[in-house]
Amino acid sequence: MRIRTAAVATTAIAGALAALTAAPAQAAEYSSALKVRGIQYDAPGSDDNRCSGGNTHQEYLTIKNYSKSSTVNLKGYVVKDATGNRFTFTKNHYLQPGDYVRLRGGRGTDSDAKNVVYRNNCNFMWNNPGDTIYVYKPSGARADVHKYTKTGNDPDRDGYIQFHK
């Protein structure tokens, strides 16, 4: 009986270790108040990246300050995807505790009042079948990361995925 118990315990430990080592990158929690709340990775309608009349602006990433007491300045933060597309916040944009900003594609006027920053690039940044979202602090340290697939993370297929509430 002891041999069987040891074998079961060994199997359980091996399974637990495999689960830990197989954890996806997005499972890691980083010591950052700034996190990706959600992403509209697939703009409604047919993709059209024309600067005038296209729908790139309907693709957006929502970044939220989850701190209860600290304001975060987005200046210097970098958002990247798996293929190296990137956006750097070059201007001061302050997020109060609990506040958020939508980083939209296309061209437009940034607005603190409307919680929006435009990438001023009419190409789509996020891949519809799946991608990885990286957010880096100005220091270069990773603030948050999420990998998604349309089939694995978007069961209603509406093009929107929520990561943090």
Protein backbone atom coordinates (compact mmCIF):
# COMPACT_ATOMS: atom_id res chain seq x y z
CA MET A 1 0.00 0.00 0.00
CA ARG A 2 2.85 2.41 0.72
CA ILE A 3 4.27 1.95 -2.75
CA ARG A 4 0.95 2.87 -4.35
CA THR A 5 0.58 5.92 -2.09
CA ALA A 6 4.08 7.05 -3.00
CA ALA A 7 3.34 6.54 -6.70
CA VAL A 8 0.09 8.52 -6.43
CA ALA A 9 1.87 11.29 -4.52
CA THR A 10 4.69 11.35 -7.07
CA THR A 11 2.16 11.55 -9.93
CA ALA A 12 0.30 14.38 -8.16
CA ILE A 13 3.52 16.32 -7.59
CA ALA A 14 4.63 15.81 -11.20
CA GLY A 15 1.21 16.99 -12.41
CA ALA A 16 1.37 20.09 -10.22
CA LEU A 17 4.88 20.91 -11.45
CA ALA A 18 3.79 20.44 -15.06
CA ALA A 19 0.86 22.78 -14.51
CA LEU A 20 3.17 25.41 -13.04
CA THR A 21 5.71 25.22 -15.81
CA ALA A 22 3.05 25.14 -18.52
CA ALA A 23 1.36 28.31 -17.24
CA PRO A 24 0.87 30.76 -20.10
CA ALA A 25 2.68 34.10 -20.10
CA GLN A 26 -0.54 36.01 -19.43
CA ALA A 27 -0.97 34.17 -16.11
CA ALA A 28 1.96 36.07 -14.60
CA GLU A 29 0.96 39.04 -12.47
CA TYR A 30 3.29 41.98 -12.65
CA SER A 31 3.82 44.57 -9.93
CA SER A 32 2.12 47.32 -11.85
CA ALA A 33 -1.03 49.29 -11.18
CA LEU A 34 -1.43 49.71 -14.93
CA LYS A 35 -3.04 46.70 -16.62
CA VAL A 36 -4.90 45.82 -19.79
CA ARG A 37 -8.60 45.82 -18.95
CA GLY A 38 -9.74 44.61 -22.37
CA ILE A 39 -9.26 44.76 -26.11
CA GLN A 40 -11.50 45.30 -29.11
CA TYR A 41 -9.12 43.38 -31.36
CA ASP A 42 -11.56 43.02 -34.25
CA ALA A 43 -13.26 46.24 -35.30
CA PRO A 44 -16.96 45.77 -36.13
CA GLY A 45 -17.66 45.31 -39.84
CA SER A 46 -15.17 44.53 -42.58
CA ASP A 47 -11.63 45.65 -41.83
CA ASP A 48 -10.85 48.86 -43.70
CA ASN A 49 -7.64 50.68 -42.81
CA ARG A 50 -8.19 53.77 -44.93
CA CYS A 51 -7.50 56.87 -42.86
CA SER A 52 -10.64 58.50 -44.20
CA GLY A 53 -13.74 56.33 -43.98
CA GLY A 54 -12.03 53.25 -42.53
CA ASN A 55 -12.77 51.59 -39.20
CA THR A 56 -9.31 51.39 -37.62
CA HIS A 57 -10.47 53.75 -34.86
CA GLN A 58 -12.95 51.07 -33.73
CA GLU A 59 -10.06 48.81 -32.73
CA TYR A 60 -8.86 49.74 -29.23
CA LEU A 61 -7.02 48.61 -26.14
CA THR A 62 -8.36 49.68 -22.74
CA ILE A 63 -5.64 50.27 -20.14
CA LYS A 64 -6.72 50.91 -16.55
CA ASN A 65 -5.01 52.19 -13.40
CA TYR A 66 -5.95 49.60 -10.78
CA SER A 67 -4.21 51.47 -7.96
CA LYS A 68 -6.38 52.65 -5.08
CA SER A 69 -4.24 55.71 -4.37
CA SER A 70 -1.57 56.43 -7.02
CA THR A 71 -1.86 58.43 -10.22
CA VAL A 72 0.03 56.96 -13.19
CA ASN A 73 1.53 59.08 -15.97
CA LEU A 74 1.47 57.10 -19.23
CA LYS A 75 4.34 59.07 -20.75
CA GLY A 76 7.04 56.59 -21.72
CA TYR A 77 4.84 53.49 -21.49
CA VAL A 78 5.06 51.19 -24.53
CA VAL A 79 2.38 48.92 -25.96
CA LYS A 80 3.51 46.17 -28.37
CA ASP A 81 2.10 43.15 -30.12
CA ALA A 82 3.72 39.80 -30.91
CA THR A 83 5.05 40.90 -34.31
CA GLY A 84 6.71 44.07 -33.04
CA ASN A 85 4.07 46.71 -33.82
CA ARG A 86 4.44 49.28 -31.09
CA PHE A 87 3.05 52.48 -29.69
CA THR A 88 4.83 54.73 -27.20
CA PHE A 89 2.93 57.25 -25.11
CA THR A 90 5.02 60.36 -25.83
CA LYS A 91 2.88 62.90 -23.99
CA ASN A 92 1.81 63.24 -20.39
CA HIS A 93 -1.48 61.48 -19.84
CA TYR A 94 -2.41 61.03 -16.19
CA LEU A 95 -4.65 58.21 -15.02
CA GLN A 96 -6.15 58.75 -11.60
CA PRO A 97 -6.85 55.65 -9.46
CA GLY A 98 -9.56 53.61 -11.18
CA ASP A 99 -9.32 55.67 -14.40
CA TYR A 100 -8.71 54.20 -17.85
CA VAL A 101 -7.68 55.20 -21.35
CA ARG A 102 -8.61 53.68 -24.70
CA LEU A 103 -5.70 53.48 -27.11
CA ARG A 104 -7.42 53.62 -30.49
CA GLY A 105 -6.17 53.04 -33.99
CA GLY A 106 -6.59 55.64 -36.68
CA ARG A 107 -6.19 59.38 -36.39
CA GLY A 108 -7.85 61.70 -33.92
CA THR A 109 -7.35 64.16 -31.13
CA ASP A 110 -6.17 62.77 -27.80
CA SER A 111 -8.50 63.73 -24.98
CA ASP A 112 -8.14 63.30 -21.24
CA ALA A 113 -11.82 64.20 -20.87
CA LYS A 114 -12.86 61.41 -23.24
CA ASN A 115 -10.17 59.01 -22.01
CA VAL A 116 -8.78 58.42 -25.48
CA VAL A 117 -5.35 58.42 -27.12
CA TYR A 118 -4.95 57.76 -30.85
CA ARG A 119 -2.06 55.84 -32.36
CA ASN A 120 -2.17 58.16 -35.41
CA ASN A 121 -1.63 55.12 -37.57
CA CYS A 122 -4.40 53.77 -39.78
CA ASN A 123 -3.08 50.20 -39.90
CA PHE A 124 -4.68 47.65 -37.62
CA MET A 125 -2.36 46.67 -34.78
CA TRP A 126 -4.09 43.59 -33.35
CA ASN A 127 -4.41 40.37 -35.32
CA ASN A 128 -7.94 38.98 -35.48
CA PRO A 129 -7.09 35.25 -35.14
CA GLY A 130 -4.86 35.92 -32.11
CA ASP A 131 -2.02 38.03 -30.78
CA THR A 132 -0.09 38.94 -27.65
CA ILE A 133 -0.42 42.31 -25.91
CA TYR A 134 2.64 43.62 -24.06
CA VAL A 135 2.65 46.75 -21.89
CA TYR A 136 6.03 48.05 -20.71
CA LYS A 137 6.80 50.66 -18.09
CA PRO A 138 9.10 53.57 -19.00
CA SER A 139 11.89 51.67 -17.18
CA GLY A 140 11.49 48.80 -19.65
CA ALA A 141 10.00 46.45 -17.04
CA ARG A 142 6.93 44.57 -18.14
CA ALA A 143 3.69 45.96 -16.68
CA ASP A 144 1.24 43.44 -18.16
CA VAL A 145 0.95 40.82 -20.90
CA HIS A 146 -1.97 38.88 -22.38
CA LYS A 147 -2.09 36.34 -25.16
CA TYR A 148 -5.42 35.76 -26.86
CA THR A 149 -6.96 33.75 -29.63
CA LYS A 150 -10.33 34.38 -31.21
CA THR A 151 -11.38 30.76 -30.70
CA GLY A 152 -9.99 30.42 -27.17
CA ASN A 153 -10.83 33.76 -25.54
CA ASP A 154 -13.81 35.22 -27.40
CA PRO A 155 -16.66 32.70 -27.16
CA ASP A 156 -19.32 35.15 -28.38
CA ARG A 157 -17.08 36.19 -31.32
CA ASP A 158 -17.84 39.90 -30.89
CA GLY A 159 -14.19 40.89 -31.25
CA TYR A 160 -13.88 42.06 -27.61
CA ILE A 161 -12.04 40.29 -24.77
CA GLN A 162 -11.94 41.44 -21.14
CA PHE A 163 -8.85 40.52 -19.10
CA HIS A 164 -9.18 42.43 -15.83
CA LYS A 165 -12.44 43.72 -14.42
